Protein backbone atom coordinates (compact mmCIF):
# COMPACT_ATOMS: atom_id res chain seq x y z
CA MET A 1 -174.38 -22.71 18.24
CA LEU A 2 -174.01 -26.60 18.81
CA ASN A 3 -171.47 -27.72 21.52
CA LEU A 4 -170.86 -31.53 21.11
CA SER A 5 -167.56 -31.49 23.16
CA ASN A 6 -169.31 -32.64 26.47
CA PHE A 7 -171.83 -35.22 24.63
CA ARG A 8 -172.16 -38.78 25.68
CA LEU A 9 -173.31 -41.48 23.15
CA ALA A 10 -176.51 -41.58 25.56
CA ASP A 11 -177.00 -37.76 25.10
CA VAL A 12 -176.82 -37.94 21.31
CA LYS A 13 -179.36 -40.65 21.08
CA ASN A 14 -181.86 -38.99 23.37
CA GLU A 15 -181.41 -35.47 21.55
CA VAL A 16 -181.94 -37.29 17.92
CA LEU A 17 -185.08 -39.43 19.15
CA ALA A 18 -186.30 -36.24 20.86
CA GLY A 19 -185.81 -34.30 17.76
CA PHE A 20 -187.66 -36.94 15.65
CA VAL A 21 -190.41 -36.95 17.85
CA VAL A 22 -190.91 -33.16 17.70
CA ALA A 23 -190.78 -32.92 14.07
CA VAL A 24 -193.46 -35.28 13.80
CA SER A 25 -195.61 -33.66 16.29
CA MET A 26 -195.26 -30.24 14.46
CA ILE A 27 -196.77 -31.31 11.27
CA PRO A 28 -200.36 -31.56 12.17
CA GLU A 29 -200.09 -28.28 13.98
CA ALA A 30 -198.34 -26.28 11.14
CA VAL A 31 -200.45 -27.85 8.67
CA GLY A 32 -203.71 -26.97 10.86
CA PHE A 33 -202.69 -23.49 11.57
CA SER A 34 -201.90 -22.71 7.91
CA LEU A 35 -205.44 -23.75 6.85
CA VAL A 36 -206.89 -21.81 9.73
CA ALA A 37 -205.08 -18.71 8.19
CA GLY A 38 -206.31 -19.67 4.58
CA LEU A 39 -202.74 -20.27 3.57
CA SER A 40 -201.01 -23.25 2.04
CA PRO A 41 -200.11 -25.98 4.42
CA ILE A 42 -196.42 -25.86 3.03
CA VAL A 43 -196.14 -22.17 4.10
CA GLY A 44 -196.78 -23.33 7.87
CA LEU A 45 -194.11 -26.08 7.49
CA HIS A 46 -191.52 -23.91 6.11
CA THR A 47 -192.18 -21.32 8.89
CA ALA A 48 -191.48 -24.39 11.56
CA PHE A 49 -188.32 -25.26 9.83
CA ILE A 50 -187.02 -21.65 9.26
CA ILE A 51 -187.72 -20.22 12.85
CA GLY A 52 -187.19 -23.56 14.22
CA LEU A 53 -183.78 -24.12 13.26
CA THR A 54 -182.65 -20.18 13.51
CA THR A 55 -183.87 -20.39 17.32
CA ALA A 56 -182.44 -23.97 17.95
CA LEU A 57 -178.88 -22.68 16.93
CA PHE A 58 -178.96 -19.34 18.11
CA GLY A 59 -181.91 -18.94 20.81
CA GLY A 60 -181.80 -18.25 24.54
CA LYS A 61 -182.98 -21.63 25.60
CA PRO A 62 -181.66 -24.94 24.26
CA GLY A 63 -184.14 -27.39 23.75
CA MET A 64 -186.88 -24.74 23.38
CA VAL A 65 -188.83 -25.60 20.04
CA SER A 66 -190.13 -22.86 17.79
CA GLY A 67 -192.54 -23.09 14.93
CA ALA A 68 -195.93 -22.04 13.30
CA ALA A 69 -197.80 -20.97 16.74
CA GLY A 70 -201.55 -20.58 16.92
CA SER A 71 -201.48 -17.46 18.69
CA ILE A 72 -199.82 -15.55 15.93
CA VAL A 73 -202.07 -17.28 13.23
CA VAL A 74 -204.87 -15.46 15.00
CA VAL A 75 -203.55 -12.13 14.53
CA LEU A 76 -202.60 -12.88 11.10
CA MET A 77 -205.91 -14.37 9.82
CA SER A 78 -207.62 -10.85 9.06
CA LEU A 79 -204.51 -9.36 7.66
CA ALA A 80 -204.31 -12.32 5.25
CA ALA A 81 -208.03 -12.48 4.34
CA GLN A 82 -208.17 -8.75 3.72
CA HIS A 83 -204.85 -8.08 1.86
CA GLY A 84 -203.42 -11.33 0.96
CA MET A 85 -199.96 -13.22 1.61
CA ASP A 86 -197.78 -10.22 0.32
CA TYR A 87 -198.90 -8.12 3.58
CA VAL A 88 -198.54 -11.09 5.63
CA LEU A 89 -194.74 -11.25 4.64
CA TRP A 90 -194.32 -7.65 5.16
CA ALA A 91 -195.94 -7.98 8.73
CA THR A 92 -193.64 -10.80 9.29
CA ILE A 93 -190.37 -9.10 8.32
CA PHE A 94 -191.18 -5.72 10.40
CA ALA A 95 -192.35 -8.04 13.42
CA GLY A 96 -188.97 -9.95 13.12
CA VAL A 97 -187.21 -6.28 13.16
CA ILE A 98 -188.92 -5.00 16.11
CA GLN A 99 -188.21 -8.41 17.99
CA ILE A 100 -184.49 -7.93 17.14
CA LEU A 101 -184.60 -4.48 18.55
CA ILE A 102 -186.21 -5.66 21.85
CA GLY A 103 -183.53 -8.18 22.42
CA ILE A 104 -180.54 -5.63 21.42
CA PHE A 105 -181.95 -3.03 23.79
CA ARG A 106 -182.44 -5.66 26.40
CA LEU A 107 -186.04 -5.21 26.99
CA GLY A 108 -186.57 -8.87 27.33
CA LYS A 109 -186.14 -8.53 31.07
CA PHE A 110 -189.53 -7.03 31.18
CA ILE A 111 -190.89 -10.61 31.30
CA ARG A 112 -190.10 -10.45 35.17
CA LEU A 113 -193.24 -8.10 35.56
CA VAL A 114 -195.46 -11.01 34.72
CA PRO A 115 -196.50 -12.28 37.91
CA LEU A 116 -196.64 -16.10 38.73
CA PRO A 117 -200.53 -16.29 38.88
CA ALA A 118 -200.63 -14.84 35.43
CA ILE A 119 -197.84 -17.13 34.07
CA HIS A 120 -199.75 -20.03 35.61
CA GLY A 121 -202.94 -18.62 34.04
CA PHE A 122 -200.97 -18.55 30.45
CA VAL A 123 -199.67 -22.05 30.98
CA ASN A 124 -203.19 -23.66 31.79
CA GLY A 125 -205.03 -21.52 29.10
CA LEU A 126 -202.72 -22.72 26.49
CA ALA A 127 -202.84 -26.43 27.79
CA ILE A 128 -206.55 -26.14 27.40
CA VAL A 129 -206.53 -24.57 23.90
CA ILE A 130 -204.01 -27.17 22.80
CA MET A 131 -206.32 -30.00 24.21
CA LEU A 132 -209.44 -28.40 22.46
CA ALA A 133 -207.37 -28.66 19.18
CA GLN A 134 -206.66 -32.27 19.64
CA LEU A 135 -210.17 -33.16 20.49
CA HIS A 136 -211.63 -31.10 17.71
CA MET A 137 -209.26 -33.25 15.45
CA VAL A 138 -210.38 -36.49 16.44
CA ALA A 139 -214.22 -35.64 17.25
CA GLY A 140 -216.55 -37.39 14.95
CA GLN A 141 -214.14 -40.09 14.02
CA GLY A 142 -215.61 -43.00 15.53
CA PRO A 143 -214.61 -45.62 18.27
CA LEU A 144 -211.85 -46.83 16.60
CA MET A 145 -210.03 -43.37 16.69
CA TYR A 146 -210.91 -42.94 20.26
CA GLY A 147 -209.47 -46.43 21.06
CA LEU A 148 -206.02 -45.50 19.39
CA VAL A 149 -205.89 -42.31 21.04
CA LEU A 150 -206.49 -44.04 24.38
CA LEU A 151 -203.60 -46.67 23.57
CA ALA A 152 -201.15 -43.74 22.68
CA ILE A 153 -202.06 -42.28 26.08
CA LEU A 154 -201.66 -45.75 27.85
CA VAL A 155 -197.95 -46.09 25.92
CA VAL A 156 -196.76 -42.71 26.94
CA VAL A 157 -197.77 -42.85 30.76
CA PHE A 158 -196.63 -46.80 31.32
CA PHE A 159 -193.73 -47.22 28.65
CA PRO A 160 -191.26 -45.36 31.09
CA ARG A 161 -191.88 -47.92 33.58
CA LEU A 162 -190.41 -50.64 31.23
CA THR A 163 -187.51 -48.84 29.80
CA LYS A 164 -186.20 -45.22 29.34
CA ALA A 165 -183.97 -46.07 26.55
CA ILE A 166 -186.75 -44.63 23.85
CA PRO A 167 -188.71 -41.72 24.74
CA ALA A 168 -192.14 -42.83 25.58
CA SER A 169 -193.82 -40.46 23.05
CA LEU A 170 -191.63 -41.95 20.30
CA ALA A 171 -192.72 -45.43 21.66
CA ALA A 172 -196.42 -44.52 21.55
CA LEU A 173 -195.94 -43.14 17.91
CA ILE A 174 -194.30 -46.54 16.72
CA VAL A 175 -196.88 -48.66 18.59
CA VAL A 176 -200.11 -46.87 17.44
CA SER A 177 -198.55 -46.49 13.59
CA ALA A 178 -197.60 -50.17 13.52
CA LEU A 179 -200.73 -51.38 14.83
CA ALA A 180 -202.78 -49.06 12.29
CA ILE A 181 -200.37 -49.72 9.34
CA GLY A 182 -200.08 -53.37 10.04
CA LEU A 183 -203.70 -54.25 10.47
CA GLY A 184 -204.71 -51.79 7.73
CA LEU A 185 -207.00 -49.94 10.01
CA ASN A 186 -209.45 -47.20 8.59
CA THR A 187 -208.35 -44.35 10.73
CA LEU A 188 -207.39 -40.72 9.92
CA ARG A 189 -203.78 -40.31 8.92
CA VAL A 190 -201.50 -37.50 8.62
CA GLY A 191 -201.67 -37.54 4.75
CA ASP A 192 -205.42 -36.89 4.98
CA LEU A 193 -205.31 -33.56 6.66
CA ALA A 194 -203.41 -31.87 3.63
CA ASP A 195 -200.60 -32.72 1.03
CA ILE A 196 -197.26 -32.00 2.94
CA SER A 197 -195.17 -32.82 0.07
CA GLY A 198 -193.03 -29.87 -1.20
CA SER A 199 -189.55 -28.34 -1.64
CA LEU A 200 -187.08 -26.31 0.11
CA PRO A 201 -188.31 -22.68 1.04
CA HIS A 202 -186.65 -20.14 -1.54
CA PHE A 203 -185.76 -16.56 -1.36
CA SER A 204 -188.74 -14.39 -2.24
CA LEU A 205 -189.44 -10.65 -1.57
CA PRO A 206 -192.89 -9.70 -0.86
CA MET A 207 -194.57 -8.44 -4.23
CA ALA A 208 -196.52 -5.60 -2.53
CA PRO A 209 -194.94 -2.21 -3.19
CA PHE A 210 -193.46 -0.58 -0.25
CA THR A 211 -195.59 2.51 0.46
CA LEU A 212 -196.89 4.70 3.17
CA ASP A 213 -200.17 2.99 2.65
CA MET A 214 -198.88 -0.41 3.10
CA LEU A 215 -197.03 0.53 6.15
CA LYS A 216 -200.25 2.03 7.75
CA VAL A 217 -201.94 -1.27 7.41
CA VAL A 218 -198.89 -3.55 8.15
CA LEU A 219 -197.01 -1.74 11.17
CA PRO A 220 -200.03 -2.36 14.03
CA TYR A 221 -199.95 -6.14 12.91
CA ALA A 222 -196.28 -6.14 13.07
CA VAL A 223 -196.46 -4.78 16.47
CA ILE A 224 -198.95 -7.09 17.82
CA ILE A 225 -197.12 -10.22 16.40
CA ALA A 226 -193.55 -9.13 17.82
CA LEU A 227 -195.34 -8.79 21.13
CA VAL A 228 -197.57 -11.85 21.05
CA GLY A 229 -194.41 -13.92 20.05
CA LEU A 230 -192.31 -12.87 22.37
CA ILE A 231 -194.57 -13.20 25.34
CA GLU A 232 -195.47 -16.81 24.30
CA SER A 233 -191.64 -17.36 23.87
CA LEU A 234 -190.38 -15.89 27.15
CA LEU A 235 -193.20 -17.23 29.08
CA THR A 236 -192.43 -20.81 27.64
CA MET A 237 -188.83 -20.24 28.43
CA THR A 238 -189.96 -19.68 32.21
CA VAL A 239 -191.75 -22.97 32.23
CA LEU A 240 -188.89 -24.87 30.91
CA ASP A 241 -186.54 -22.83 33.51
CA GLU A 242 -188.82 -24.22 36.25
CA MET A 243 -188.77 -27.75 34.78
CA GLY A 244 -185.05 -27.96 34.21
CA ASN A 245 -183.85 -25.61 37.19
CA SER A 246 -181.78 -23.56 34.57
CA LYS A 247 -182.04 -20.08 33.38
CA GLY A 248 -182.52 -19.04 29.57
CA ASN A 249 -181.52 -15.73 27.92
CA GLY A 250 -184.53 -13.75 27.22
CA ASN A 251 -182.75 -10.97 25.10
CA ARG A 252 -180.95 -13.62 23.26
CA GLU A 253 -184.08 -15.44 22.54
CA SER A 254 -185.76 -12.17 21.30
CA ILE A 255 -182.69 -11.67 18.79
CA ALA A 256 -183.19 -15.29 17.48
CA GLN A 257 -186.67 -14.93 17.28
CA GLY A 258 -186.55 -11.83 15.37
CA ALA A 259 -183.93 -13.22 12.86
CA GLY A 260 -185.98 -16.26 12.39
CA ASN A 261 -189.03 -14.23 11.77
CA THR A 262 -187.23 -11.84 9.09
CA LEU A 263 -185.98 -14.95 7.58
CA CYS A 264 -189.46 -16.17 7.29
CA GLY A 265 -190.85 -13.28 5.61
CA LEU A 266 -187.77 -13.10 3.31
CA PHE A 267 -188.45 -16.80 2.43
CA GLY A 268 -192.33 -16.74 1.88
CA CYS A 269 -193.54 -17.83 5.29
CA PHE A 270 -195.64 -16.22 7.89
CA ALA A 271 -194.20 -15.56 11.48
CA GLY A 272 -193.69 -18.20 14.29
CA CYS A 273 -192.62 -18.39 17.85
CA ALA A 274 -191.99 -20.54 20.71
CA MET A 275 -194.57 -23.68 21.06
CA ILE A 276 -194.92 -24.79 24.42
CA GLY A 277 -196.43 -28.12 23.52
CA GLN A 278 -193.53 -29.19 21.26
CA SER A 279 -190.99 -27.78 23.72
CA ILE A 280 -192.27 -29.86 26.81
CA ILE A 281 -192.57 -33.08 24.41
CA ASN A 282 -188.83 -32.37 23.51
CA PHE A 283 -188.13 -31.81 27.35
CA THR A 284 -189.77 -34.72 28.40
CA SER A 285 -188.34 -37.03 25.55
CA GLY A 286 -184.55 -36.16 26.71
CA GLY A 287 -184.03 -32.93 24.66
CA ARG A 288 -181.98 -30.58 26.76
CA ARG A 289 -179.48 -29.09 24.38
CA ARG A 290 -179.44 -27.24 20.86
CA ILE A 291 -179.38 -30.47 18.84
CA SER A 292 -182.58 -31.84 19.59
CA ALA A 293 -184.65 -28.76 18.40
CA ALA A 294 -182.03 -28.38 15.25
CA ILE A 295 -182.77 -32.19 14.23
CA GLY A 296 -186.38 -31.63 14.79
CA ALA A 297 -186.37 -28.43 12.25
CA ILE A 298 -184.21 -30.47 9.87
CA LEU A 299 -186.27 -33.65 9.77
CA LEU A 300 -189.50 -31.50 9.31
CA ILE A 301 -188.10 -30.08 6.25
CA LEU A 302 -186.52 -33.57 5.15
CA PHE A 303 -190.19 -34.99 5.65
CA VAL A 304 -191.62 -32.33 3.41
CA VAL A 305 -189.19 -32.59 0.48
CA SER A 306 -188.30 -36.60 0.69
CA LEU A 307 -190.23 -38.59 2.97
CA SER A 308 -193.95 -36.93 2.87
CA SER A 309 -195.52 -40.14 1.64
CA TYR A 310 -194.33 -41.97 4.65
CA ILE A 311 -194.95 -39.59 7.00
CA GLY A 312 -198.46 -39.25 5.70
CA TYR A 313 -199.14 -43.03 6.95
CA ILE A 314 -198.85 -41.80 10.58
CA PRO A 315 -202.24 -42.02 12.46
CA VAL A 316 -203.33 -38.71 13.63
CA ALA A 317 -204.40 -40.53 16.94
CA ALA A 318 -200.84 -41.33 17.74
CA LEU A 319 -200.10 -37.58 17.64
CA ALA A 320 -203.41 -36.49 19.47
CA GLY A 321 -202.65 -39.14 22.32
CA ILE A 322 -199.16 -37.48 22.80
CA MET A 323 -200.35 -34.09 22.77
CA LEU A 324 -203.09 -34.89 25.32
CA VAL A 325 -200.55 -36.40 27.67
CA VAL A 326 -198.61 -33.26 27.23
CA CYS A 327 -201.72 -30.98 27.82
CA TYR A 328 -201.87 -32.83 31.13
CA ASN A 329 -198.38 -32.31 32.12
CA THR A 330 -198.33 -28.63 31.17
CA PHE A 331 -201.43 -27.84 33.13
CA GLU A 332 -200.54 -26.52 36.59
CA TRP A 333 -202.40 -28.48 38.60
CA SER A 334 -200.90 -27.41 41.93
CA SER A 335 -202.20 -23.73 40.96
CA LEU A 336 -205.97 -25.30 41.36
CA ARG A 337 -204.79 -27.07 44.92
CA ARG A 338 -203.57 -23.67 46.28
CA LEU A 339 -206.56 -21.85 44.92
CA LYS A 340 -208.54 -21.81 47.99
CA ARG A 341 -205.52 -20.55 50.04
CA MET A 342 -203.99 -18.06 47.56
CA PRO A 343 -205.08 -14.35 48.08
CA LYS A 344 -208.25 -13.77 46.35
CA GLU A 345 -206.82 -11.04 44.06
CA ASP A 346 -204.05 -13.82 43.13
CA ALA A 347 -206.81 -16.38 42.22
CA PHE A 348 -208.77 -13.89 40.33
CA ILE A 349 -205.55 -13.13 38.11
CA LEU A 350 -205.15 -16.76 37.50
CA LEU A 351 -208.46 -17.42 36.49
CA THR A 352 -208.68 -14.22 34.33
CA VAL A 353 -205.47 -14.94 32.40
CA THR A 354 -206.69 -18.52 31.87
CA VAL A 355 -210.27 -17.44 30.59
CA ILE A 356 -208.93 -14.93 28.16
CA THR A 357 -206.11 -17.27 26.83
CA VAL A 358 -208.69 -19.68 25.97
CA PHE A 359 -211.48 -17.39 24.48
CA ALA A 360 -209.64 -14.43 23.36
CA ASP A 361 -206.02 -13.64 22.84
CA LEU A 362 -202.90 -14.47 24.53
CA ALA A 363 -201.31 -11.03 24.51
CA VAL A 364 -204.52 -9.64 26.01
CA ALA A 365 -204.45 -12.25 28.54
CA VAL A 366 -201.09 -11.52 30.00
CA ILE A 367 -201.17 -7.78 29.57
CA SER A 368 -204.67 -7.97 31.55
CA GLY A 369 -203.02 -10.08 34.30
CA VAL A 370 -200.08 -7.59 34.60
CA ILE A 371 -202.41 -4.66 34.53
CA ILE A 372 -204.66 -6.21 37.47
CA SER A 373 -201.40 -7.17 39.38
CA ALA A 374 -200.02 -3.88 39.24
CA LEU A 375 -203.51 -2.39 40.42
CA VAL A 376 -203.78 -4.72 43.21
CA PHE A 377 -199.98 -3.88 44.23
CA ALA A 378 -200.77 -0.13 44.12
CA TRP A 379 -203.89 -0.56 46.23
CA LYS A 380 -202.13 -2.57 48.75
CA GLN A 381 -199.19 -0.16 48.92
CA ALA A 382 -201.25 3.02 49.10
CA LYS A 383 -201.09 3.07 52.99
CA ILE A 384 -199.24 5.92 54.55
CA SER A 385 -199.41 6.66 58.39
CA ILE A 386 -198.05 8.56 61.21
CA ARG A 387 -195.60 6.31 62.76
CA ASP A 388 -194.98 8.49 65.77
CA LYS A 389 -196.12 11.88 67.18
CA LYS A 390 -194.35 14.13 69.51
CA GLU A 391 -195.53 17.62 70.97
CA GLU A 392 -193.65 19.86 73.23
CA ASN A 393 -192.85 23.50 73.37
CA ASN A 394 -195.60 24.65 71.08
CA THR A 395 -193.94 21.86 68.37
CA VAL A 396 -195.15 19.04 66.79
CA VAL A 397 -193.17 16.21 65.00
CA TYR A 398 -194.78 13.82 62.81
CA SER A 399 -192.70 10.85 61.89
CA LEU A 400 -194.29 9.25 58.86
CA ALA A 401 -194.25 5.63 57.37
CA GLY A 402 -195.01 4.13 53.97
CA PRO A 403 -194.68 5.33 50.44
CA LEU A 404 -195.89 8.56 49.16
CA PHE A 405 -197.29 8.03 45.66
CA PHE A 406 -200.40 8.75 43.70
CA GLY A 407 -202.40 6.07 45.47
CA SER A 408 -201.50 7.38 48.91
CA THR A 409 -201.91 11.10 48.39
CA THR A 410 -205.46 11.43 49.50
CA ASP A 411 -204.81 9.54 52.66
CA PHE A 412 -201.61 11.69 53.24
CA ALA A 413 -203.61 14.84 53.18
CA GLU A 414 -206.34 13.54 55.71
CA LEU A 415 -203.55 12.75 58.45
CA PHE A 416 -203.01 16.31 59.41
CA ASP A 417 -205.11 19.15 60.79
CA PRO A 418 -203.36 22.35 60.23
CA ALA A 419 -206.10 24.43 61.93
CA HIS A 420 -205.36 22.64 65.61
CA ASP A 421 -201.70 21.76 65.14
CA PRO A 422 -198.99 23.88 67.37
CA ALA A 423 -197.06 27.03 65.57
CA LEU A 424 -194.40 24.75 64.45
CA VAL A 425 -195.02 21.60 62.61
CA ILE A 426 -191.98 19.26 61.62
CA LEU A 427 -192.80 16.45 59.15
CA ASP A 428 -190.07 13.76 59.24
CA PHE A 429 -189.97 11.65 56.15
CA ALA A 430 -186.99 9.20 57.31
CA HIS A 431 -189.35 6.37 57.11
CA THR A 432 -191.22 7.06 53.90
CA ARG A 433 -190.24 7.79 50.41
CA VAL A 434 -191.70 10.14 47.98
CA MET A 435 -192.24 7.86 45.03
CA ASP A 436 -193.41 10.21 42.12
CA SER A 437 -194.55 13.80 41.24
CA SER A 438 -198.17 13.13 42.80
CA GLY A 439 -196.40 12.79 45.91
CA VAL A 440 -194.28 15.96 45.66
CA GLU A 441 -197.50 17.84 44.92
CA ALA A 442 -199.24 16.53 48.03
CA ILE A 443 -196.39 18.02 50.08
CA ASP A 444 -196.53 21.09 48.42
CA LYS A 445 -200.25 21.37 49.04
CA LEU A 446 -200.01 20.33 52.64
CA THR A 447 -197.40 23.10 52.98
CA ALA A 448 -199.68 25.53 51.60
CA ARG A 449 -202.54 24.72 54.08
CA TYR A 450 -200.13 25.15 56.95
CA LEU A 451 -198.71 28.52 55.69
CA ALA A 452 -202.23 29.65 55.09
CA ALA A 453 -203.20 28.78 58.64
CA GLY A 454 -200.04 30.81 60.02
CA LYS A 455 -198.00 27.93 60.88
CA THR A 456 -194.24 27.22 60.60
CA VAL A 457 -193.44 24.01 58.70
CA ARG A 458 -190.08 22.14 58.58
CA LEU A 459 -189.64 19.04 56.24
CA ARG A 460 -186.99 16.34 57.18
CA HIS A 461 -185.19 13.71 55.45
CA LEU A 462 -186.32 14.32 52.08
CA SER A 463 -183.68 13.54 49.02
CA ALA A 464 -182.21 16.40 47.22
CA ASP A 465 -183.91 15.20 44.18
CA CYS A 466 -187.40 15.54 45.89
CA VAL A 467 -186.55 18.87 47.31
CA SER A 468 -185.42 20.12 43.79
CA LEU A 469 -188.98 19.21 42.63
CA LEU A 470 -190.89 21.00 45.57
CA LYS A 471 -192.15 24.55 44.62
CA GLN A 472 -194.14 25.48 47.94
CA ALA A 473 -192.30 23.30 50.53
CA GLY A 474 -188.70 23.44 48.84
CA PRO A 475 -187.57 26.67 51.13
CA PHE A 476 -188.85 24.96 54.08
CA CYS A 477 -186.72 21.81 53.96
CA LEU A 478 -184.17 20.86 56.65
CA HIS A 479 -180.96 19.05 55.27
CA GLU A 480 -179.51 16.67 57.76
CA LEU A 481 -176.65 14.50 57.73
CA ASP A 482 -178.59 11.28 56.81
CA ASP A 483 -180.72 12.58 54.01
CA PRO A 484 -181.87 9.97 51.50
CA THR A 485 -180.38 9.70 48.18
CA TYR A 486 -183.58 8.14 46.08
CA ARG A 487 -184.94 9.89 43.03
CA VAL A 488 -188.50 10.72 42.24
CA ALA A 489 -190.45 9.07 39.42
CA ALA A 490 -191.54 12.71 37.75
CA ASP A 491 -192.72 13.67 34.25
């Protein structure tokens, strides 16, 4: 919840101003994403208010902004077109429940499995997606639009050199709006995108009956929405953690996102998640605590209910210019500079995730990055060797090094020649570890080869867990004082 005990007056001012900028910047995106999904713009604005306020008050990262996100709208488009809004509401409710369960069972920590190149690819891809959305909005609007966009960019860039009392993005909004309204310039306004006037969201259960057929349609979408939303939210949290040198709580954020989405479904809205562009606007405008995101959500619904006619006068060029600067600042330019020096596989992951994020789907992009990274890691680790070999008195001792798992079993089998080894063979696993059931099976097969050749085998320094899984080789294990205690990942 909000904690005002340690606030200074300057902090409160920065938080309020940042919240105002966030509220205004969310309007065109919420409206645009709603129209893309074939839904009323008011639905998207209500989504931004409900999930924005819920995560602002209870989320795992103070200052992170949630709303109607394009990545989720892409998933909902076909469901809305084929089955209508009621199925969208059911999918939103179930997605929220899934996210709450993920948070309760503390599964948010698995975001750590996403490697840094994949995170940079995600950030770069989203920056490009947001940039393309702004360019699409201003394309074909003539020189006046482009001039106002450029003016907004210049104000955002250079205003902090004059003063930091007012956020640069708010200054750009004021300057461009004053110029356009004062001179009566004929340029695209927020009100031209759609009618944003409306009322407060009201409780409304989905009208579609709760049946097995409905569940078969809705649940796959709900799972995808839940995962896409959490991936984008937790990765956005990771980006803000790096910018602010503070760590958010992924599990708490999962529960808050889930609660917000469940409420959205119960109040006639579609699902939402964290928005990296608005979150960075909030951060760079001075919003570091819960109050800025909360004020952003409250002001947004206030605009809808009472001030829509005034907000409709704001030039789209001002918002586009602010968002283009956000895109520039969001993009990990350092990743491009390091591209030539980083390992080829990391560069491939970064570029792959970026391209898939832009042209396909965020969830597919991040999952692809994780899978590729896992395969690369397994390939690099799939190296087992003979660390030392000692022969005397018709006995050979092999000291092994490296992990024994599914990726290294072939190399493990090729290290030995049972036909030419002495009568007694000792395999010392003190410097290796049997990682999975494939490694256990490889030991059994090697033992069988030595027995078939009439040789005696002894195995040293295997864990009790590993020994219990061995069939052929189990009886031939030597138990010594420094036996390891690791466990084997077995089926």
